[in-house]
Protein backbone atom coordinates (compact mmCIF):
# COMPACT_ATOMS: atom_id res chain seq x y z
CA UNK A 1 -21.86 29.48 -9.67
CA UNK A 2 -23.87 29.14 -6.46
CA UNK A 3 -25.81 26.24 -7.96
CA UNK A 4 -22.55 24.49 -8.81
CA UNK A 5 -21.32 24.89 -5.21
CA UNK A 6 -24.63 23.62 -3.81
CA UNK A 7 -24.59 20.59 -6.10
CA UNK A 8 -21.03 19.76 -4.95
CA UNK A 9 -22.14 20.04 -1.33
CA UNK A 10 -25.10 17.75 -2.00
CA UNK A 11 -22.82 15.20 -3.69
CA UNK A 12 -20.43 15.36 -0.74
CA UNK A 13 -23.28 14.70 1.71
CA UNK A 14 -24.51 11.76 -0.37
CA UNK A 15 -20.97 10.41 -0.62
CA UNK A 16 -20.77 10.09 3.17
CA UNK A 17 -23.42 7.37 2.99
CA UNK A 18 -22.26 5.79 -0.27
CA UNK A 19 -18.55 4.82 -0.46
CA UNK A 20 -18.81 3.98 -4.18
CA UNK A 21 -19.93 7.53 -4.89
CA UNK A 22 -17.04 8.85 -2.84
CA UNK A 23 -14.56 6.86 -4.91
CA UNK A 24 -16.07 8.12 -8.15
CA UNK A 25 -15.83 11.70 -6.86
CA UNK A 26 -12.16 11.21 -5.99
CA UNK A 27 -11.43 9.95 -9.49
CA UNK A 28 -12.82 13.20 -10.94
CA UNK A 29 -10.84 15.58 -8.72
CA UNK A 30 -8.49 18.00 -10.44
CA UNK A 31 -6.30 20.91 -9.51
CA UNK A 32 -7.41 24.45 -10.37
CA UNK A 33 -5.09 24.33 -13.38
CA UNK A 34 -7.04 21.33 -14.72
CA UNK A 35 -4.28 18.83 -13.97
CA UNK A 36 -5.72 15.50 -12.82
CA UNK A 37 -4.70 14.08 -9.46
CA UNK A 38 -2.53 10.97 -9.58
CA UNK A 39 -4.30 7.75 -8.66
CA UNK A 40 -3.44 6.70 -5.09
CA UNK A 41 -1.56 3.42 -4.79
CA UNK A 42 -2.43 1.76 -1.46
CA UNK A 43 0.37 -0.79 -1.77
CA UNK A 44 3.04 1.91 -2.23
CA UNK A 45 1.58 5.16 -0.86
CA UNK A 46 4.93 6.99 -0.79
CA UNK A 47 5.90 5.64 -4.23
CA UNK A 48 9.12 4.23 -2.88
CA UNK A 49 9.14 1.57 -5.58
CA UNK A 50 9.98 4.26 -8.15
CA UNK A 51 13.05 5.28 -6.14
CA UNK A 52 14.65 1.82 -6.11
CA UNK A 53 17.34 0.84 -8.60
CA UNK A 54 17.19 -2.54 -10.33
CA UNK A 55 19.87 -3.89 -7.95
CA UNK A 56 17.88 -2.76 -4.90
CA UNK A 57 14.75 -4.41 -6.30
CA UNK A 58 16.69 -7.65 -6.80
CA UNK A 59 17.93 -7.56 -3.17
CA UNK A 60 14.39 -6.83 -1.93
CA UNK A 61 12.96 -9.69 -3.96
CA UNK A 62 15.69 -12.09 -2.81
CA UNK A 63 15.08 -11.21 0.85
CA UNK A 64 11.32 -11.63 0.42
CA UNK A 65 11.74 -14.99 -1.32
CA UNK A 66 14.12 -16.22 1.41
CA UNK A 67 11.73 -15.15 4.16
CA UNK A 68 8.74 -16.80 2.48
CA UNK A 69 10.45 -20.01 1.34
CA UNK A 70 12.91 -20.74 4.16
CA UNK A 71 11.67 -18.94 7.24
CA UNK A 72 7.88 -18.64 7.25
CA UNK A 73 7.04 -22.26 8.10
CA UNK A 74 9.72 -22.43 10.80
CA UNK A 75 8.69 -19.11 12.33
CA UNK A 76 5.04 -20.18 12.46
CA UNK A 77 6.00 -23.48 14.08
CA UNK A 78 8.22 -21.72 16.64
CA UNK A 79 5.44 -19.22 17.38
CA UNK A 80 2.90 -22.00 17.99
CA UNK A 81 5.35 -23.91 20.19
CA UNK A 82 6.52 -20.72 21.95
CA UNK A 83 10.13 -21.53 21.18
CA UNK A 84 13.01 -19.94 19.27
CA UNK A 85 15.42 -21.62 16.86
CA UNK A 86 18.80 -19.83 17.03
CA UNK A 87 19.76 -21.47 13.74
CA UNK A 88 17.49 -18.97 11.97
CA UNK A 89 19.77 -16.10 13.03
CA UNK A 90 22.79 -17.86 11.56
CA UNK A 91 20.99 -18.40 8.26
CA UNK A 92 20.03 -14.74 8.11
CA UNK A 93 23.68 -13.74 8.42
CA UNK A 94 23.82 -12.45 11.99
């Protein structure tokens, strides 16, 4: 038992200097009951995606597409010119 604890401590010390080792250690972590930890999703850390209905996902996707297709180039241009186009607010529904 003591040897097992010491080997874990040694691995932890080595992991501080080797990020790849740290990631491999995290992938092996389990609860005391033996249940594996869920893999962490950096893009959705709170797993909000799972809470959205299909309609909410469609609204989110439509808003993202509008912002990327219609607004992004105009916003960049306005930022570079230090100006503001009030027409953008009308298009967004304000």
